[in-house]
Amino acid sequence: MNHSYPADVGDYAKTFAVLAVMLQSVLTSVMAMANNSQEFFLGAIYELVKYAAPMFIFGIMYSTIRTNPGATIMNYPLYMRNRWHMLFVPSIWWTLAYLVLTPQLQQGHSYTNIGTFCWQFINGNAAQHLWYNVMMLQFIIITPLFWWLARWVNQNIKRGWLVLGLTLIFQVCWHLMYEFQVFHGPHHRDWYLLDRVFPSFFIFAILGTLLWSFHRQLFPILIKFWWVTIIVWTLLYIFVTHNFFNFGLPVKPANAPYYLPSMIFYNIAAILAVIALHLHDIRGNSRKLLSFCHHIADFAHRAYLSHVFWLYWIWQLGKDYWVKLNPFLLLIVVYFLTIICSFTSAYGFHRLWFKIKQGLN
């Protein structure tokens, strides 16, 4: 398949992921203002987009493997230098901004001294969404593992199935452990950091690696049977939403974790649906949409980092007005304001830094 088009599968995955995680953050705020019937409807939307973190990991690893064919540990220094500027530096600045400018957004225990400040800085508790970032950066650090895996598989179908099977068994066991020991379990307070370590999302990085390794075989199948993917995604959505609502009222996002065995398959189905959409757009030569997703993906991480900061100020500055709106209208207005502020700041800071570097040179 020709890959001269403006966006790859990874770009689509990152676009859907960043828009989903922003919607999750806004929904968490809006649900607190809804009545019982509205809570269930908003909760159904929340569960629908509960694919953001796996989609991010899949998209990052797919694009990484595709754009670094045959990479080895010798390529690692250059790779990390590029990722340092693209991912780590924005993460450092935005984490610092949350801790200094909006310390009230911290999760868990707030910092009280230099030691606890540093701990909050690295553990993802500086804001409600930064645990995603801590987990994602771990995958960037261990990227050579996936380079090696792609070389080892080398389009060998038997090796591909072996890797997928072993990873799936591991992931189901890991999620079962989390479900019984952490999620409403005896260690839900002291083991909570398990949600931000890379094994919790390992299968999605493996999927990104294997999809590119076998894209010539898999893409035609996904194009032909896209409707099967949609049906499976729909059935799994009904199943996971039913489980979510079994916890009753109030509808709490905390009762919809990623770390349930059913969510593994729901997220895989969501990823396959996004792949099918991408392939449909390729066949339809939808270059404008492809180009749009490519540009969104370029700034997805930086917009994601900032969105809770902007959401907080949007909420604070308009709180006297927001309480007068219907929750569904409120969701739409605040969501789009958050998207606009997040991507505008991402692009604006990018241009500012570019001009500063030009001045320094």
Protein backbone atom coordinates (compact mmCIF):
# COMPACT_ATOMS: atom_id res chain seq x y z
CA MET A 1 0.00 0.00 0.00
CA ASN A 2 1.25 3.48 -0.90
CA HIS A 3 2.08 5.59 2.17
CA SER A 4 2.44 8.97 0.49
CA TYR A 5 -0.89 10.14 1.93
CA PRO A 6 -0.90 12.96 4.52
CA ALA A 7 -1.84 10.89 7.58
CA ASP A 8 -1.18 7.36 8.74
CA VAL A 9 -3.19 5.14 11.08
CA GLY A 10 -1.21 6.52 14.02
CA ASP A 11 -2.32 10.07 13.20
CA TYR A 12 -5.97 9.00 13.19
CA ALA A 13 -5.50 7.16 16.48
CA LYS A 14 -3.86 10.19 18.14
CA THR A 15 -6.60 12.51 16.80
CA PHE A 16 -9.40 10.33 18.19
CA ALA A 17 -7.49 9.85 21.45
CA VAL A 18 -6.90 13.54 22.19
CA LEU A 19 -10.50 14.50 21.37
CA ALA A 20 -11.76 11.61 23.54
CA VAL A 21 -9.64 12.48 26.57
CA MET A 22 -10.76 16.12 26.42
CA LEU A 23 -14.37 14.97 26.27
CA GLN A 24 -13.80 12.71 29.29
CA SER A 25 -12.45 15.65 31.31
CA VAL A 26 -15.39 17.89 30.41
CA LEU A 27 -17.89 15.10 31.10
CA THR A 28 -16.44 14.58 34.57
CA SER A 29 -17.23 18.23 35.40
CA VAL A 30 -20.64 18.34 33.74
CA MET A 31 -21.90 15.09 35.30
CA ALA A 32 -21.64 16.68 38.74
CA MET A 33 -24.36 19.15 37.69
CA ALA A 34 -26.75 16.66 36.07
CA ASN A 35 -29.87 14.99 37.44
CA ASN A 36 -30.30 11.21 37.57
CA SER A 37 -31.56 10.62 34.02
CA GLN A 38 -29.02 13.04 32.60
CA GLU A 39 -26.23 11.30 34.53
CA PHE A 40 -26.95 8.01 32.78
CA PHE A 41 -26.93 9.61 29.34
CA LEU A 42 -23.70 11.48 30.06
CA GLY A 43 -22.24 8.31 31.56
CA ALA A 44 -23.02 6.45 28.33
CA ILE A 45 -21.06 9.08 26.38
CA TYR A 46 -18.21 8.79 28.89
CA GLU A 47 -18.02 5.02 28.41
CA LEU A 48 -18.19 5.41 24.62
CA VAL A 49 -14.95 7.42 24.56
CA LYS A 50 -13.20 5.30 27.18
CA TYR A 51 -10.51 4.38 24.69
CA ALA A 52 -8.26 7.45 24.87
CA ALA A 53 -5.18 6.04 26.65
CA PRO A 54 -4.99 2.73 24.69
CA MET A 55 -5.60 4.63 21.44
CA PHE A 56 -2.74 7.02 22.22
CA ILE A 57 -0.33 4.18 22.96
CA PHE A 58 -1.35 2.26 19.86
CA GLY A 59 -1.02 5.34 17.63
CA ILE A 60 2.37 6.34 18.99
CA MET A 61 3.85 2.87 18.59
CA TYR A 62 2.38 2.29 15.12
CA SER A 63 3.84 5.56 13.81
CA THR A 64 7.15 4.91 15.58
CA ILE A 65 7.58 1.47 14.01
CA ARG A 66 6.46 2.69 10.58
CA THR A 67 8.81 5.67 10.51
CA ASN A 68 11.82 3.79 11.95
CA PRO A 69 12.06 0.65 9.80
CA GLY A 70 14.76 -1.72 10.97
CA ALA A 71 15.76 0.58 13.84
CA THR A 72 18.16 -0.80 16.46
CA ILE A 73 19.61 0.43 19.75
CA MET A 74 22.11 2.43 17.68
CA ASN A 75 19.24 4.67 16.57
CA TYR A 76 18.11 5.25 20.16
CA PRO A 77 20.16 8.41 21.00
CA LEU A 78 18.83 10.33 17.98
CA TYR A 79 15.31 9.03 18.60
CA MET A 80 15.39 10.12 22.26
CA ARG A 81 16.85 13.50 21.38
CA ASN A 82 13.91 14.16 19.06
CA ARG A 83 11.37 12.84 21.60
CA TRP A 84 12.97 14.89 24.35
CA HIS A 85 12.10 18.09 22.52
CA MET A 86 8.71 16.89 21.24
CA LEU A 87 7.34 15.14 24.33
CA PHE A 88 9.45 15.47 27.46
CA VAL A 89 10.06 19.24 27.41
CA PRO A 90 6.34 20.15 27.00
CA SER A 91 5.53 17.60 29.73
CA ILE A 92 7.99 19.24 32.12
CA TRP A 93 6.71 22.75 31.47
CA TRP A 94 3.03 21.88 31.77
CA THR A 95 3.52 19.76 34.89
CA LEU A 96 5.34 22.69 36.46
CA ALA A 97 2.53 25.03 35.41
CA TYR A 98 -0.10 22.83 37.06
CA LEU A 99 1.84 22.53 40.32
CA VAL A 100 2.67 26.24 40.56
CA LEU A 101 -0.33 27.97 38.97
CA THR A 102 -3.17 25.55 39.76
CA PRO A 103 -2.04 23.45 42.76
CA GLN A 104 -5.71 22.89 43.62
CA LEU A 105 -5.92 20.47 40.67
CA GLN A 106 -3.55 17.97 42.30
CA GLN A 107 -4.75 14.43 42.86
CA GLY A 108 -4.11 12.47 46.04
CA HIS A 109 -2.06 14.32 48.66
CA SER A 110 -0.95 17.88 47.84
CA TYR A 111 2.73 18.75 48.10
CA THR A 112 3.92 20.35 51.32
CA ASN A 113 7.70 20.52 50.81
CA ILE A 114 10.38 20.05 48.15
CA GLY A 115 10.27 16.27 48.47
CA THR A 116 6.51 15.97 48.01
CA PHE A 117 6.63 18.59 45.22
CA CYS A 118 9.11 16.41 43.31
CA TRP A 119 7.00 13.31 43.97
CA GLN A 120 3.87 15.01 42.63
CA PHE A 121 5.92 16.16 39.64
CA ILE A 122 6.90 12.66 38.55
CA ASN A 123 3.94 10.51 39.61
CA GLY A 124 1.27 12.10 37.41
CA ASN A 125 -0.76 13.63 40.25
CA ALA A 126 -0.16 17.26 39.27
CA ALA A 127 -3.53 17.18 37.48
CA GLN A 128 -6.25 14.62 36.87
CA HIS A 129 -5.05 13.64 33.37
CA LEU A 130 -1.27 13.56 33.76
CA TRP A 131 -1.16 9.90 34.78
CA TYR A 132 -1.72 9.23 31.03
CA ASN A 133 1.46 11.18 30.34
CA VAL A 134 3.56 9.31 32.90
CA MET A 135 2.49 6.03 31.36
CA MET A 136 3.01 7.20 27.77
CA LEU A 137 6.54 8.47 28.40
CA GLN A 138 7.49 5.04 29.76
CA PHE A 139 6.67 3.55 26.35
CA ILE A 140 8.86 6.16 24.68
CA ILE A 141 11.76 5.14 26.93
CA ILE A 142 11.39 1.40 26.20
CA THR A 143 10.84 1.85 22.44
CA PRO A 144 13.93 -0.29 21.55
CA LEU A 145 12.02 -3.29 22.90
CA PHE A 146 9.38 -2.81 20.20
CA TRP A 147 11.98 -2.16 17.52
CA TRP A 148 13.57 -5.49 18.43
CA LEU A 149 10.17 -7.19 18.42
CA ALA A 150 9.36 -5.84 14.95
CA ARG A 151 12.69 -7.15 13.66
CA TRP A 152 12.18 -10.52 15.33
CA VAL A 153 8.65 -11.00 14.00
CA ASN A 154 9.81 -9.93 10.52
CA GLN A 155 6.43 -10.68 8.88
CA ASN A 156 6.47 -14.25 10.21
CA ILE A 157 2.81 -15.06 10.83
CA LYS A 158 3.51 -17.76 13.44
CA ARG A 159 5.70 -15.41 15.46
CA GLY A 160 3.07 -12.70 15.16
CA TRP A 161 0.35 -14.96 16.57
CA LEU A 162 2.70 -16.12 19.33
CA VAL A 163 3.44 -12.56 20.42
CA LEU A 164 -0.23 -11.55 20.28
CA GLY A 165 -1.38 -14.64 22.18
CA LEU A 166 1.17 -14.36 24.98
CA THR A 167 0.53 -10.62 25.34
CA LEU A 168 -3.23 -11.13 25.50
CA ILE A 169 -2.88 -13.79 28.20
CA PHE A 170 -0.60 -11.51 30.21
CA GLN A 171 -2.93 -8.53 29.80
CA VAL A 172 -6.03 -10.44 30.89
CA CYS A 173 -4.20 -11.76 33.97
CA TRP A 174 -2.91 -8.25 34.79
CA HIS A 175 -6.41 -6.77 34.50
CA LEU A 176 -7.93 -9.55 36.59
CA MET A 177 -5.36 -8.84 39.29
CA TYR A 178 -6.24 -5.15 39.12
CA GLU A 179 -9.99 -5.83 39.22
CA PHE A 180 -9.82 -8.02 42.35
CA GLN A 181 -6.97 -6.34 44.22
CA VAL A 182 -7.21 -2.64 43.34
CA PHE A 183 -10.55 -1.69 41.76
CA HIS A 184 -12.86 -1.75 44.80
CA GLY A 185 -10.36 -4.23 46.24
CA PRO A 186 -8.21 -4.34 49.38
CA HIS A 187 -5.37 -2.34 47.77
CA HIS A 188 -7.37 0.40 46.03
CA ARG A 189 -5.56 3.09 48.04
CA ASP A 190 -1.99 1.82 48.31
CA TRP A 191 -1.67 0.27 44.80
CA TYR A 192 -3.35 3.07 42.87
CA LEU A 193 -0.10 3.88 40.97
CA LEU A 194 -0.51 0.62 39.04
CA ASP A 195 -2.79 2.50 36.65
CA ARG A 196 0.14 4.46 35.28
CA VAL A 197 2.81 1.83 34.72
CA PHE A 198 3.38 0.55 31.19
CA PRO A 199 2.31 -3.12 31.71
CA SER A 200 -1.28 -1.90 32.13
CA PHE A 201 -1.34 -0.88 28.45
CA PHE A 202 1.30 -3.18 27.00
CA ILE A 203 -1.00 -4.97 24.56
CA PHE A 204 -1.84 -1.73 22.75
CA ALA A 205 1.82 -1.01 22.02
CA ILE A 206 2.14 -4.60 20.78
CA LEU A 207 -0.88 -4.06 18.51
CA GLY A 208 0.72 -0.97 17.02
CA THR A 209 3.93 -2.92 16.39
CA LEU A 210 2.18 -5.94 14.87
CA LEU A 211 -0.22 -3.93 12.73
CA TRP A 212 2.62 -2.25 10.88
CA SER A 213 4.58 -5.51 10.67
CA PHE A 214 1.60 -7.22 8.98
CA HIS A 215 -0.21 -4.27 7.41
CA ARG A 216 -0.04 -5.75 3.91
CA GLN A 217 -1.99 -8.79 5.09
CA LEU A 218 -4.29 -7.05 7.59
CA PHE A 219 -5.37 -3.88 5.79
CA PRO A 220 -7.28 -5.68 2.98
CA ILE A 221 -9.13 -7.77 5.60
CA LEU A 222 -10.04 -4.69 7.64
CA ILE A 223 -11.26 -2.89 4.52
CA LYS A 224 -13.42 -5.83 3.45
CA PHE A 225 -14.88 -6.63 6.88
CA TRP A 226 -15.13 -3.11 8.37
CA TRP A 227 -18.79 -3.74 9.19
CA VAL A 228 -17.85 -6.67 11.44
CA THR A 229 -15.59 -4.32 13.40
CA ILE A 230 -18.45 -1.85 13.91
CA ILE A 231 -20.83 -4.60 15.06
CA VAL A 232 -18.29 -6.00 17.54
CA TRP A 233 -17.49 -2.53 18.87
CA THR A 234 -21.22 -1.82 19.34
CA LEU A 235 -21.87 -5.10 21.18
CA LEU A 236 -18.88 -4.59 23.44
CA TYR A 237 -19.96 -1.02 24.11
CA ILE A 238 -23.39 -2.23 25.24
CA PHE A 239 -21.72 -4.80 27.50
CA VAL A 240 -19.22 -2.45 29.19
CA THR A 241 -21.84 0.29 29.59
CA HIS A 242 -24.24 -2.15 31.22
CA ASN A 243 -21.50 -3.11 33.69
CA PHE A 244 -20.78 0.57 34.36
CA PHE A 245 -24.42 1.34 35.12
CA ASN A 246 -24.71 -1.65 37.47
CA PHE A 247 -22.93 0.48 40.07
CA GLY A 248 -26.07 2.68 40.19
CA LEU A 249 -26.29 6.33 41.12
CA PRO A 250 -24.46 8.59 41.25
CA VAL A 251 -22.75 7.69 37.99
CA LYS A 252 -19.05 7.99 38.83
CA PRO A 253 -16.27 7.96 36.23
CA ALA A 254 -14.14 6.12 38.81
CA ASN A 255 -16.40 3.09 38.24
CA ALA A 256 -15.31 2.94 34.60
CA PRO A 257 -11.59 2.09 34.73
CA TYR A 258 -9.52 0.88 31.81
CA TYR A 259 -8.31 -2.09 33.83
CA LEU A 260 -11.13 -4.59 33.45
CA PRO A 261 -10.74 -7.59 31.13
CA SER A 262 -13.77 -6.51 29.11
CA MET A 263 -12.14 -3.13 28.44
CA ILE A 264 -9.20 -4.81 26.71
CA PHE A 265 -11.50 -6.10 24.00
CA TYR A 266 -13.60 -2.93 23.87
CA ASN A 267 -10.48 -0.84 23.29
CA ILE A 268 -9.13 -3.23 20.67
CA ALA A 269 -12.47 -2.99 18.85
CA ALA A 270 -12.36 0.82 19.04
CA ILE A 271 -8.83 0.82 17.59
CA LEU A 272 -9.88 -1.48 14.74
CA ALA A 273 -12.84 0.79 13.98
CA VAL A 274 -10.54 3.82 13.72
CA ILE A 275 -8.19 1.84 11.44
CA ALA A 276 -11.17 0.94 9.23
CA LEU A 277 -12.18 4.61 9.05
CA HIS A 278 -8.64 5.59 8.06
CA LEU A 279 -8.53 2.97 5.31
CA HIS A 280 -11.95 4.12 4.06
CA ASP A 281 -10.66 7.69 3.81
CA ILE A 282 -7.56 6.46 1.96
CA ARG A 283 -9.69 4.62 -0.59
CA GLY A 284 -11.92 7.66 -0.95
CA ASN A 285 -8.86 9.90 -1.37
CA SER A 286 -10.18 12.23 1.36
CA ARG A 287 -6.99 14.26 1.38
CA LYS A 288 -8.48 17.22 3.28
CA LEU A 289 -9.62 15.01 6.14
CA LEU A 290 -6.33 13.11 6.09
CA SER A 291 -4.38 16.35 6.19
CA PHE A 292 -6.58 17.65 9.02
CA CYS A 293 -5.92 14.55 11.13
CA HIS A 294 -2.19 14.81 10.44
CA HIS A 295 -2.08 18.40 11.72
CA ILE A 296 -4.22 17.57 14.75
CA ALA A 297 -1.91 14.64 15.55
CA ASP A 298 1.15 16.91 15.32
CA PHE A 299 -0.18 19.02 18.20
CA ALA A 300 -2.21 16.33 19.98
CA HIS A 301 0.21 15.73 22.84
CA ARG A 302 0.78 19.42 23.60
CA ALA A 303 -2.96 20.16 23.42
CA TYR A 304 -3.68 17.18 25.65
CA LEU A 305 -1.17 18.40 28.25
CA SER A 306 -2.78 21.84 28.49
CA HIS A 307 -6.47 21.01 28.21
CA VAL A 308 -7.24 20.56 31.93
CA PHE A 309 -5.55 23.89 32.65
CA TRP A 310 -7.80 25.67 30.14
CA LEU A 311 -10.86 23.69 31.22
CA TYR A 312 -10.29 24.83 34.80
CA TRP A 313 -10.17 28.52 33.84
CA ILE A 314 -13.09 28.21 31.41
CA TRP A 315 -15.10 26.70 34.24
CA GLN A 316 -14.04 29.30 36.80
CA LEU A 317 -14.53 32.35 34.60
CA GLY A 318 -17.97 31.28 33.39
CA LYS A 319 -19.32 29.39 36.42
CA ASP A 320 -22.15 31.90 37.06
CA TYR A 321 -23.32 31.39 33.50
CA TRP A 322 -22.67 27.65 33.19
CA VAL A 323 -25.10 26.76 35.99
CA LYS A 324 -27.95 28.24 33.94
CA LEU A 325 -27.33 25.99 30.94
CA ASN A 326 -28.82 22.59 30.24
CA PRO A 327 -26.07 19.99 30.94
CA PHE A 328 -26.01 18.81 27.33
CA LEU A 329 -25.66 22.33 25.94
CA LEU A 330 -23.07 23.01 28.64
CA LEU A 331 -21.13 19.93 27.54
CA ILE A 332 -21.01 21.11 23.92
CA VAL A 333 -20.03 24.70 24.74
CA VAL A 334 -17.32 23.90 27.28
CA TYR A 335 -15.97 21.03 25.18
CA PHE A 336 -15.45 23.19 22.10
CA LEU A 337 -13.99 26.05 24.14
CA THR A 338 -11.54 23.58 25.68
CA ILE A 339 -10.53 22.22 22.27
CA ILE A 340 -10.04 25.73 20.85
CA CYS A 341 -7.96 26.96 23.80
CA SER A 342 -5.85 23.79 23.96
CA PHE A 343 -4.91 23.65 20.29
CA THR A 344 -4.50 27.40 20.02
CA SER A 345 -2.04 27.39 22.91
CA ALA A 346 -0.22 24.35 21.48
CA TYR A 347 0.24 26.04 18.12
CA GLY A 348 0.95 29.45 19.67
CA PHE A 349 3.70 28.17 21.97
CA HIS A 350 5.15 26.20 19.05
CA ARG A 351 5.40 29.35 16.93
CA LEU A 352 6.77 31.38 19.84
CA TRP A 353 9.52 28.84 20.52
CA PHE A 354 10.33 28.71 16.80
CA LYS A 355 10.81 32.49 16.73
CA ILE A 356 12.92 32.41 19.90
CA LYS A 357 15.19 29.77 18.38
CA GLN A 358 15.49 31.87 15.19
CA GLY A 359 16.48 34.86 17.31
CA LEU A 360 19.07 32.84 19.23
CA ASN A 361 20.57 31.48 16.01
